[in-house]
């Protein structure tokens, strides 16, 4: 086989890329391998993908903030006093 010819693996990976798929390799504990496989199967199945994705995003994704204002509005500020007196300090004689 010459360098110009594509191998079957290259063709397979090209088809996956065209479908929007990517290869992900992870390392997990032995007892978690079946769980991770079942999650991957649920995400790959068109009937269960939307539900599995929403459950996983709700549990594990970090909330996205569009800016400082959104970040501050979502922060828990109960019991914090934001008003302070407008004391200009002591008089300074120049």
PDB file of N, CA and C in Angstrom:
ATOM      1  N   UNK A   1       0.839  -1.162   0.000  1.00  0.00           N
ATOM      2  CA  UNK A   1       0.000   0.000   0.000  1.00  0.00           C
ATOM      3  C   UNK A   1       0.898   1.245   0.000  1.00  0.00           C
ATOM      4  N   UNK A   2       0.650   2.151  -0.886  1.00  0.00           N
ATOM      5  CA  UNK A   2       1.468   3.357  -0.969  1.00  0.00           C
ATOM      6  C   UNK A   2       0.976   4.402   0.029  1.00  0.00           C
ATOM      7  N   UNK A   3       1.763   5.434   0.189  1.00  0.00           N
ATOM      8  CA  UNK A   3       1.412   6.484   1.145  1.00  0.00           C
ATOM      9  C   UNK A   3       0.174   7.261   0.709  1.00  0.00           C
ATOM     10  N   UNK A   4      -0.141   7.257  -0.584  1.00  0.00           N
ATOM     11  CA  UNK A   4      -1.287   8.008  -1.097  1.00  0.00           C
ATOM     12  C   UNK A   4      -2.596   7.295  -0.767  1.00  0.00           C
ATOM     13  N   UNK A   5      -2.575   5.978  -0.710  1.00  0.00           N
ATOM     14  CA  UNK A   5      -3.789   5.211  -0.456  1.00  0.00           C
ATOM     15  C   UNK A   5      -4.243   5.379   0.986  1.00  0.00           C
ATOM     16  N   UNK A   6      -5.529   5.427   1.157  1.00  0.00           N
ATOM     17  CA  UNK A   6      -6.109   5.537   2.493  1.00  0.00           C
ATOM     18  C   UNK A   6      -6.342   4.148   3.067  1.00  0.00           C
ATOM     19  N   UNK A   7      -6.052   3.991   4.333  1.00  0.00           N
ATOM     20  CA  UNK A   7      -6.318   2.723   4.985  1.00  0.00           C
ATOM     21  C   UNK A   7      -7.787   2.684   5.383  1.00  0.00           C
ATOM     22  N   UNK A   8      -8.343   1.521   5.620  1.00  0.00           N
ATOM     23  CA  UNK A   8      -9.740   1.439   6.067  1.00  0.00           C
ATOM     24  C   UNK A   8      -9.986   2.204   7.373  1.00  0.00           C
ATOM     25  N   UNK A   9      -9.002   2.222   8.244  1.00  0.00           N
ATOM     26  CA  UNK A   9      -9.153   2.963   9.495  1.00  0.00           C
ATOM     27  C   UNK A   9      -9.260   4.462   9.226  1.00  0.00           C
ATOM     28  N   UNK A  10      -8.439   4.967   8.290  1.00  0.00           N
ATOM     29  CA  UNK A  10      -8.511   6.383   7.940  1.00  0.00           C
ATOM     30  C   UNK A  10      -9.870   6.733   7.347  1.00  0.00           C
ATOM     31  N   UNK A  11     -10.381   5.881   6.497  1.00  0.00           N
ATOM     32  CA  UNK A  11     -11.699   6.124   5.891  1.00  0.00           C
ATOM     33  C   UNK A  11     -12.801   6.100   6.953  1.00  0.00           C
ATOM     34  N   UNK A  12     -12.705   5.155   7.895  1.00  0.00           N
ATOM     35  CA  UNK A  12     -13.685   5.074   8.969  1.00  0.00           C
ATOM     36  C   UNK A  12     -13.664   6.331   9.824  1.00  0.00           C
ATOM     37  N   UNK A  13     -12.474   6.773  10.186  1.00  0.00           N
ATOM     38  CA  UNK A  13     -12.355   7.990  11.005  1.00  0.00           C
ATOM     39  C   UNK A  13     -12.846   9.222  10.256  1.00  0.00           C
ATOM     40  N   UNK A  14     -12.642   9.271   8.958  1.00  0.00           N
ATOM     41  CA  UNK A  14     -13.125  10.385   8.150  1.00  0.00           C
ATOM     42  C   UNK A  14     -14.653  10.419   8.150  1.00  0.00           C
ATOM     43  N   UNK A  15     -15.283   9.246   8.007  1.00  0.00           N
ATOM     44  CA  UNK A  15     -16.749   9.182   8.041  1.00  0.00           C
ATOM     45  C   UNK A  15     -17.286   9.638   9.396  1.00  0.00           C
ATOM     46  N   UNK A  16     -16.600   9.246  10.471  1.00  0.00           N
ATOM     47  CA  UNK A  16     -17.035   9.676  11.800  1.00  0.00           C
ATOM     48  C   UNK A  16     -16.924  11.196  11.950  1.00  0.00           C
ATOM     49  N   UNK A  17     -15.824  11.776  11.463  1.00  0.00           N
ATOM     50  CA  UNK A  17     -15.661  13.220  11.539  1.00  0.00           C
ATOM     51  C   UNK A  17     -16.752  13.943  10.760  1.00  0.00           C
ATOM     52  N   UNK A  18     -17.134  13.390   9.624  1.00  0.00           N
ATOM     53  CA  UNK A  18     -18.186  14.000   8.823  1.00  0.00           C
ATOM     54  C   UNK A  18     -19.526  13.975   9.548  1.00  0.00           C
ATOM     55  N   UNK A  19     -19.714  12.990  10.414  1.00  0.00           N
ATOM     56  CA  UNK A  19     -20.940  12.904  11.213  1.00  0.00           C
ATOM     57  C   UNK A  19     -20.866  13.755  12.474  1.00  0.00           C
ATOM     58  N   UNK A  20     -19.713  14.378  12.717  1.00  0.00           N
ATOM     59  CA  UNK A  20     -19.559  15.206  13.907  1.00  0.00           C
ATOM     60  C   UNK A  20     -19.096  14.439  15.125  1.00  0.00           C
ATOM     61  N   UNK A  21     -18.590  13.244  14.933  1.00  0.00           N
ATOM     62  CA  UNK A  21     -18.145  12.414  16.041  1.00  0.00           C
ATOM     63  C   UNK A  21     -16.652  12.645  16.285  1.00  0.00           C
ATOM     64  N   UNK A  22     -16.248  12.487  17.535  1.00  0.00           N
ATOM     65  CA  UNK A  22     -14.837  12.555  17.899  1.00  0.00           C
ATOM     66  C   UNK A  22     -14.505  11.352  18.762  1.00  0.00           C
ATOM     67  N   UNK A  23     -13.236  10.991  18.755  1.00  0.00           N
ATOM     68  CA  UNK A  23     -12.768   9.879  19.575  1.00  0.00           C
ATOM     69  C   UNK A  23     -12.271  10.451  20.892  1.00  0.00           C
ATOM     70  N   UNK A  24     -12.713   9.847  21.992  1.00  0.00           N
ATOM     71  CA  UNK A  24     -12.312  10.279  23.320  1.00  0.00           C
ATOM     72  C   UNK A  24     -11.767   9.071  24.064  1.00  0.00           C
ATOM     73  N   UNK A  25     -10.587   9.231  24.611  1.00  0.00           N
ATOM     74  CA  UNK A  25      -9.993   8.157  25.400  1.00  0.00           C
ATOM     75  C   UNK A  25      -9.878   8.649  26.833  1.00  0.00           C
ATOM     76  N   UNK A  26     -10.385   7.847  27.755  1.00  0.00           N
ATOM     77  CA  UNK A  26     -10.317   8.228  29.169  1.00  0.00           C
ATOM     78  C   UNK A  26      -9.817   7.037  29.974  1.00  0.00           C
ATOM     79  N   UNK A  27      -9.343   7.319  31.153  1.00  0.00           N
ATOM     80  CA  UNK A  27      -8.903   6.286  32.084  1.00  0.00           C
ATOM     81  C   UNK A  27      -9.804   6.362  33.312  1.00  0.00           C
ATOM     82  N   UNK A  28     -10.436   5.231  33.645  1.00  0.00           N
ATOM     83  CA  UNK A  28     -11.326   5.164  34.798  1.00  0.00           C
ATOM     84  C   UNK A  28     -10.983   3.940  35.626  1.00  0.00           C
ATOM     85  N   UNK A  29     -11.487   3.919  36.830  1.00  0.00           N
ATOM     86  CA  UNK A  29     -11.338   2.747  37.684  1.00  0.00           C
ATOM     87  C   UNK A  29     -12.063   1.561  37.048  1.00  0.00           C
ATOM     88  N   UNK A  30     -11.598   0.374  37.357  1.00  0.00           N
ATOM     89  CA  UNK A  30     -12.148  -0.833  36.749  1.00  0.00           C
ATOM     90  C   UNK A  30     -13.647  -0.961  37.027  1.00  0.00           C
ATOM     91  N   UNK A  31     -14.061  -0.629  38.230  1.00  0.00           N
ATOM     92  CA  UNK A  31     -15.481  -0.770  38.575  1.00  0.00           C
ATOM     93  C   UNK A  31     -16.359   0.278  37.891  1.00  0.00           C
ATOM     94  N   UNK A  32     -15.765   1.347  37.360  1.00  0.00           N
ATOM     95  CA  UNK A  32     -16.533   2.389  36.675  1.00  0.00           C
ATOM     96  C   UNK A  32     -16.593   2.192  35.166  1.00  0.00           C
ATOM     97  N   UNK A  33     -15.872   1.241  34.636  1.00  0.00           N
ATOM     98  CA  UNK A  33     -15.799   1.051  33.179  1.00  0.00           C
ATOM     99  C   UNK A  33     -17.172   0.752  32.584  1.00  0.00           C
ATOM    100  N   UNK A  34     -17.938  -0.125  33.211  1.00  0.00           N
ATOM    101  CA  UNK A  34     -19.266  -0.460  32.681  1.00  0.00           C
ATOM    102  C   UNK A  34     -20.185   0.759  32.721  1.00  0.00           C
ATOM    103  N   UNK A  35     -20.075   1.555  33.768  1.00  0.00           N
ATOM    104  CA  UNK A  35     -20.898   2.768  33.877  1.00  0.00           C
ATOM    105  C   UNK A  35     -20.569   3.754  32.765  1.00  0.00           C
ATOM    106  N   UNK A  36     -19.285   3.965  32.514  1.00  0.00           N
ATOM    107  CA  UNK A  36     -18.875   4.907  31.471  1.00  0.00           C
ATOM    108  C   UNK A  36     -19.308   4.390  30.098  1.00  0.00           C
ATOM    109  N   UNK A  37     -19.210   3.110  29.879  1.00  0.00           N
ATOM    110  CA  UNK A  37     -19.671   2.539  28.611  1.00  0.00           C
ATOM    111  C   UNK A  37     -21.171   2.733  28.430  1.00  0.00           C
ATOM    112  N   UNK A  38     -21.936   2.534  29.502  1.00  0.00           N
ATOM    113  CA  UNK A  38     -23.387   2.701  29.386  1.00  0.00           C
ATOM    114  C   UNK A  38     -23.756   4.167  29.146  1.00  0.00           C
ATOM    115  N   UNK A  39     -23.001   5.096  29.730  1.00  0.00           N
ATOM    116  CA  UNK A  39     -23.238   6.520  29.471  1.00  0.00           C
ATOM    117  C   UNK A  39     -22.931   6.836  28.012  1.00  0.00           C
ATOM    118  N   UNK A  40     -21.822   6.309  27.497  1.00  0.00           N
ATOM    119  CA  UNK A  40     -21.468   6.534  26.094  1.00  0.00           C
ATOM    120  C   UNK A  40     -22.520   5.936  25.163  1.00  0.00           C
ATOM    121  N   UNK A  41     -23.041   4.774  25.498  1.00  0.00           N
ATOM    122  CA  UNK A  41     -24.088   4.160  24.677  1.00  0.00           C
ATOM    123  C   UNK A  41     -25.369   4.985  24.720  1.00  0.00           C
ATOM    124  N   UNK A  42     -25.710   5.508  25.885  1.00  0.00           N
ATOM    125  CA  UNK A  42     -26.916   6.335  26.000  1.00  0.00           C
ATOM    126  C   UNK A  42     -26.781   7.613  25.184  1.00  0.00           C
ATOM    127  N   UNK A  43     -25.584   8.203  25.169  1.00  0.00           N
ATOM    128  CA  UNK A  43     -25.366   9.417  24.377  1.00  0.00           C
ATOM    129  C   UNK A  43     -25.335   9.121  22.884  1.00  0.00           C
ATOM    130  N   UNK A  44     -24.959   7.923  22.515  1.00  0.00           N
ATOM    131  CA  UNK A  44     -24.907   7.550  21.108  1.00  0.00           C
ATOM    132  C   UNK A  44     -26.231   7.074  20.548  1.00  0.00           C
ATOM    133  N   UNK A  45     -27.169   6.736  21.401  1.00  0.00           N
ATOM    134  CA  UNK A  45     -28.475   6.251  20.975  1.00  0.00           C
ATOM    135  C   UNK A  45     -29.407   7.446  20.744  1.00  0.00           C
ATOM    136  N   UNK A  46     -29.972   7.593  19.540  1.00  0.00           N
ATOM    137  CA  UNK A  46     -30.822   8.757  19.265  1.00  0.00           C
ATOM    138  C   UNK A  46     -32.059   8.859  20.170  1.00  0.00           C
ATOM    139  N   UNK A  47     -32.595   7.716  20.645  1.00  0.00           N
ATOM    140  CA  UNK A  47     -33.784   7.765  21.500  1.00  0.00           C
ATOM    141  C   UNK A  47     -33.467   8.263  22.908  1.00  0.00           C
ATOM    142  N   UNK A  48     -32.271   7.990  23.407  1.00  0.00           N
ATOM    143  CA  UNK A  48     -31.947   8.365  24.785  1.00  0.00           C
ATOM    144  C   UNK A  48     -30.944   9.505  24.892  1.00  0.00           C
ATOM    145  N   UNK A  49     -30.422   9.969  23.768  1.00  0.00           N
ATOM    146  CA  UNK A  49     -29.347  10.967  23.800  1.00  0.00           C
ATOM    147  C   UNK A  49     -29.788  12.272  24.436  1.00  0.00           C
ATOM    148  N   UNK A  50     -30.939  12.783  24.074  1.00  0.00           N
ATOM    149  CA  UNK A  50     -31.381  14.086  24.590  1.00  0.00           C
ATOM    150  C   UNK A  50     -31.589  14.036  26.100  1.00  0.00           C
ATOM    151  N   UNK A  51     -32.230  12.984  26.578  1.00  0.00           N
ATOM    152  CA  UNK A  51     -32.472  12.863  28.021  1.00  0.00           C
ATOM    153  C   UNK A  51     -31.166  12.680  28.782  1.00  0.00           C
ATOM    154  N   UNK A  52     -30.293  11.815  28.280  1.00  0.00           N
ATOM    155  CA  UNK A  52     -29.013  11.573  28.956  1.00  0.00           C
ATOM    156  C   UNK A  52     -28.174  12.852  28.984  1.00  0.00           C
ATOM    157  N   UNK A  53     -28.159  13.578  27.884  1.00  0.00           N
ATOM    158  CA  UNK A  53     -27.383  14.819  27.809  1.00  0.00           C
ATOM    159  C   UNK A  53     -27.915  15.859  28.794  1.00  0.00           C
ATOM    160  N   UNK A  54     -29.238  15.981  28.890  1.00  0.00           N
ATOM    161  CA  UNK A  54     -29.806  16.969  29.809  1.00  0.00           C
ATOM    162  C   UNK A  54     -29.545  16.594  31.264  1.00  0.00           C
ATOM    163  N   UNK A  55     -29.618  15.307  31.599  1.00  0.00           N
ATOM    164  CA  UNK A  55     -29.336  14.869  32.972  1.00  0.00           C
ATOM    165  C   UNK A  55     -27.877  15.122  33.325  1.00  0.00           C
ATOM    166  N   UNK A  56     -26.978  14.778  32.410  1.00  0.00           N
ATOM    167  CA  UNK A  56     -25.551  14.976  32.680  1.00  0.00           C
ATOM    168  C   UNK A  56     -25.192  16.458  32.756  1.00  0.00           C
ATOM    169  N   UNK A  57     -25.759  17.278  31.886  1.00  0.00           N
ATOM    170  CA  UNK A  57     -25.483  18.713  31.930  1.00  0.00           C
ATOM    171  C   UNK A  57     -26.012  19.341  33.208  1.00  0.00           C
ATOM    172  N   UNK A  58     -27.200  18.918  33.628  1.00  0.00           N
ATOM    173  CA  UNK A  58     -27.780  19.473  34.853  1.00  0.00           C
ATOM    174  C   UNK A  58     -26.930  19.140  36.074  1.00  0.00           C
ATOM    175  N   UNK A  59     -26.330  17.978  36.065  1.00  0.00           N
ATOM    176  CA  UNK A  59     -25.561  17.549  37.234  1.00  0.00           C
ATOM    177  C   UNK A  59     -24.106  18.005  37.209  1.00  0.00           C
ATOM    178  N   UNK A  60     -23.468  17.979  36.045  1.00  0.00           N
ATOM    179  CA  UNK A  60     -22.023  18.156  36.015  1.00  0.00           C
ATOM    180  C   UNK A  60     -21.508  19.404  35.320  1.00  0.00           C
ATOM    181  N   UNK A  61     -22.309  20.088  34.542  1.00  0.00           N
ATOM    182  CA  UNK A  61     -21.772  21.251  33.836  1.00  0.00           C
ATOM    183  C   UNK A  61     -21.770  22.469  34.738  1.00  0.00           C
ATOM    184  N   UNK A  62     -20.803  23.315  34.521  1.00  0.00           N
ATOM    185  CA  UNK A  62     -20.694  24.548  35.278  1.00  0.00           C
ATOM    186  C   UNK A  62     -21.586  25.587  34.623  1.00  0.00           C
ATOM    187  N   UNK A  63     -22.241  26.424  35.417  1.00  0.00           N
ATOM    188  CA  UNK A  63     -23.093  27.441  34.804  1.00  0.00           C
ATOM    189  C   UNK A  63     -22.255  28.448  34.026  1.00  0.00           C
ATOM    190  N   UNK A  64     -22.738  28.783  32.858  1.00  0.00           N
ATOM    191  CA  UNK A  64     -22.038  29.750  32.017  1.00  0.00           C
ATOM    192  C   UNK A  64     -22.525  31.153  32.347  1.00  0.00           C
ATOM    193  N   UNK A  65     -21.610  32.057  32.568  1.00  0.00           N
ATOM    194  CA  UNK A  65     -21.951  33.442  32.835  1.00  0.00           C
ATOM    195  C   UNK A  65     -21.462  34.278  31.665  1.00  0.00           C
ATOM    196  N   UNK A  66     -22.334  35.148  31.202  1.00  0.00           N
ATOM    197  CA  UNK A  66     -21.977  35.972  30.054  1.00  0.00           C
ATOM    198  C   UNK A  66     -21.151  37.179  30.444  1.00  0.00           C
ATOM    199  N   UNK A  67     -21.091  37.485  31.709  1.00  0.00           N
ATOM    200  CA  UNK A  67     -20.308  38.624  32.131  1.00  0.00           C
ATOM    201  C   UNK A  67     -20.352  38.768  33.636  1.00  0.00           C
ATOM    202  N   UNK A  68     -19.743  39.823  34.107  1.00  0.00           N
ATOM    203  CA  UNK A  68     -19.681  40.065  35.544  1.00  0.00           C
ATOM    204  C   UNK A  68     -21.063  40.301  36.131  1.00  0.00           C
ATOM    205  N   UNK A  69     -21.921  40.978  35.394  1.00  0.00           N
ATOM    206  CA  UNK A  69     -23.265  41.265  35.891  1.00  0.00           C
ATOM    207  C   UNK A  69     -24.045  39.973  36.122  1.00  0.00           C
ATOM    208  N   UNK A  70     -23.973  39.028  35.186  1.00  0.00           N
ATOM    209  CA  UNK A  70     -24.652  37.745  35.351  1.00  0.00           C
ATOM    210  C   UNK A  70     -24.067  36.953  36.514  1.00  0.00           C
ATOM    211  N   UNK A  71     -22.765  36.988  36.651  1.00  0.00           N
ATOM    212  CA  UNK A  71     -22.103  36.282  37.737  1.00  0.00           C
ATOM    213  C   UNK A  71     -22.536  36.840  39.091  1.00  0.00           C
ATOM    214  N   UNK A  72     -22.565  38.160  39.221  1.00  0.00           N
ATOM    215  CA  UNK A  72     -22.964  38.780  40.476  1.00  0.00           C
ATOM    216  C   UNK A  72     -24.444  38.571  40.771  1.00  0.00           C
ATOM    217  N   UNK A  73     -25.275  38.569  39.747  1.00  0.00           N
ATOM    218  CA  UNK A  73     -26.710  38.384  39.980  1.00  0.00           C
ATOM    219  C   UNK A  73     -27.031  36.960  40.428  1.00  0.00           C
ATOM    220  N   UNK A  74     -26.192  35.995  40.093  1.00  0.00           N
ATOM    221  CA  UNK A  74     -26.449  34.620  40.501  1.00  0.00           C
ATOM    222  C   UNK A  74     -25.760  34.251  41.816  1.00  0.00           C
ATOM    223  N   UNK A  75     -24.962  35.150  42.368  1.00  0.00           N
ATOM    224  CA  UNK A  75     -24.239  34.860  43.604  1.00  0.00           C
ATOM    225  C   UNK A  75     -25.163  35.006  44.821  1.00  0.00           C
ATOM    226  N   UNK A  76     -24.949  34.201  45.855  1.00  0.00           N
ATOM    227  CA  UNK A  76     -25.787  34.290  47.062  1.00  0.00           C
ATOM    228  C   UNK A  76     -25.308  35.423  47.969  1.00  0.00           C
ATOM    229  N   UNK A  77     -26.022  36.549  47.965  1.00  0.00           N
ATOM    230  CA  UNK A  77     -25.629  37.708  48.744  1.00  0.00           C
ATOM    231  C   UNK A  77     -26.581  37.983  49.908  1.00  0.00           C
ATOM    232  N   UNK A  78     -27.276  36.983  50.421  1.00  0.00           N
ATOM    233  CA  UNK A  78     -28.191  37.201  51.532  1.00  0.00           C
ATOM    234  C   UNK A  78     -27.413  37.598  52.776  1.00  0.00           C
ATOM    235  N   UNK A  79     -27.871  38.623  53.430  1.00  0.00           N
ATOM    236  CA  UNK A  79     -27.263  39.055  54.677  1.00  0.00           C
ATOM    237  C   UNK A  79     -26.039  39.938  54.527  1.00  0.00           C
ATOM    238  N   UNK A  80     -25.683  40.316  53.341  1.00  0.00           N
ATOM    239  CA  UNK A  80     -24.515  41.175  53.130  1.00  0.00           C
ATOM    240  C   UNK A  80     -25.007  42.594  52.880  1.00  0.00           C
ATOM    241  N   UNK A  81     -24.471  43.527  53.610  1.00  0.00           N
ATOM    242  CA  UNK A  81     -24.850  44.936  53.485  1.00  0.00           C
ATOM    243  C   UNK A  81     -23.931  45.599  52.461  1.00  0.00           C
ATOM    244  N   UNK A  82     -24.533  46.166  51.418  1.00  0.00           N
ATOM    245  CA  UNK A  82     -23.752  46.793  50.369  1.00  0.00           C
ATOM    246  C   UNK A  82     -23.685  48.312  50.488  1.00  0.00           C
ATOM    247  N   UNK A  83     -24.545  48.886  51.290  1.00  0.00           N
ATOM    248  CA  UNK A  83     -24.539  50.339  51.457  1.00  0.00           C
ATOM    249  C   UNK A  83     -23.506  50.706  52.509  1.00  0.00           C
ATOM    250  N   UNK A  84     -22.787  51.777  52.273  1.00  0.00           N
ATOM    251  CA  UNK A  84     -21.831  52.244  53.256  1.00  0.00           C
ATOM    252  C   UNK A  84     -21.952  53.762  53.339  1.00  0.00           C
ATOM    253  N   UNK A  85     -21.626  54.300  54.487  1.00  0.00           N
ATOM    254  CA  UNK A  85     -21.761  55.754  54.648  1.00  0.00           C
ATOM    255  C   UNK A  85     -20.763  56.492  53.759  1.00  0.00           C
ATOM    256  N   UNK A  86     -21.199  57.639  53.287  1.00  0.00           N
ATOM    257  CA  UNK A  86     -20.339  58.457  52.427  1.00  0.00           C
ATOM    258  C   UNK A  86     -19.500  59.390  53.287  1.00  0.00           C
ATOM    259  N   UNK A  87     -18.624  58.832  54.095  1.00  0.00           N
ATOM    260  CA  UNK A  87     -17.755  59.600  54.954  1.00  0.00           C
ATOM    261  C   UNK A  87     -16.535  60.031  54.135  1.00  0.00           C
ATOM    262  N   UNK A  88     -16.331  61.326  54.047  1.00  0.00           N
ATOM    263  CA  UNK A  88     -15.206  61.822  53.256  1.00  0.00           C
ATOM    264  C   UNK A  88     -13.916  61.875  54.071  1.00  0.00           C
ATOM    265  N   UNK A  89     -13.950  61.396  55.274  1.00  0.00           N
ATOM    266  CA  UNK A  89     -12.733  61.379  56.087  1.00  0.00           C
ATOM    267  C   UNK A  89     -12.561  62.669  56.879  1.00  0.00           C
ATOM    268  N   UNK A  90     -11.417  62.867  57.376  1.00  0.00           N
ATOM    269  CA  UNK A  90     -11.148  64.062  58.184  1.00  0.00           C
ATOM    270  C   UNK A  90     -10.781  65.248  57.293  1.00  0.00           C
ATOM    271  N   UNK A  91     -10.934  66.387  57.862  1.00  0.00           N
ATOM    272  CA  UNK A  91     -10.565  67.619  57.151  1.00  0.00           C
ATOM    273  C   UNK A  91      -9.070  67.725  57.064  1.00  0.00           C
ATOM    274  N   UNK A  92      -8.561  68.075  55.909  1.00  0.00           N
ATOM    275  CA  UNK A  92      -7.121  68.243  55.708  1.00  0.00           C
ATOM    276  C   UNK A  92      -6.858  69.696  55.403  1.00  0.00           C
ATOM    277  N   UNK A  93      -5.963  70.299  56.138  1.00  0.00           N
ATOM    278  CA  UNK A  93      -5.613  71.695  55.951  1.00  0.00           C
ATOM    279  C   UNK A  93      -4.360  71.767  55.079  1.00  0.00           C
ATOM    280  N   UNK A  94      -4.512  72.255  53.861  1.00  0.00           N
ATOM    281  CA  UNK A  94      -3.361  72.331  52.958  1.00  0.00           C
ATOM    282  C   UNK A  94      -2.766  73.689  52.976  1.00  0.00           C
TER     283      UNK A  94
END
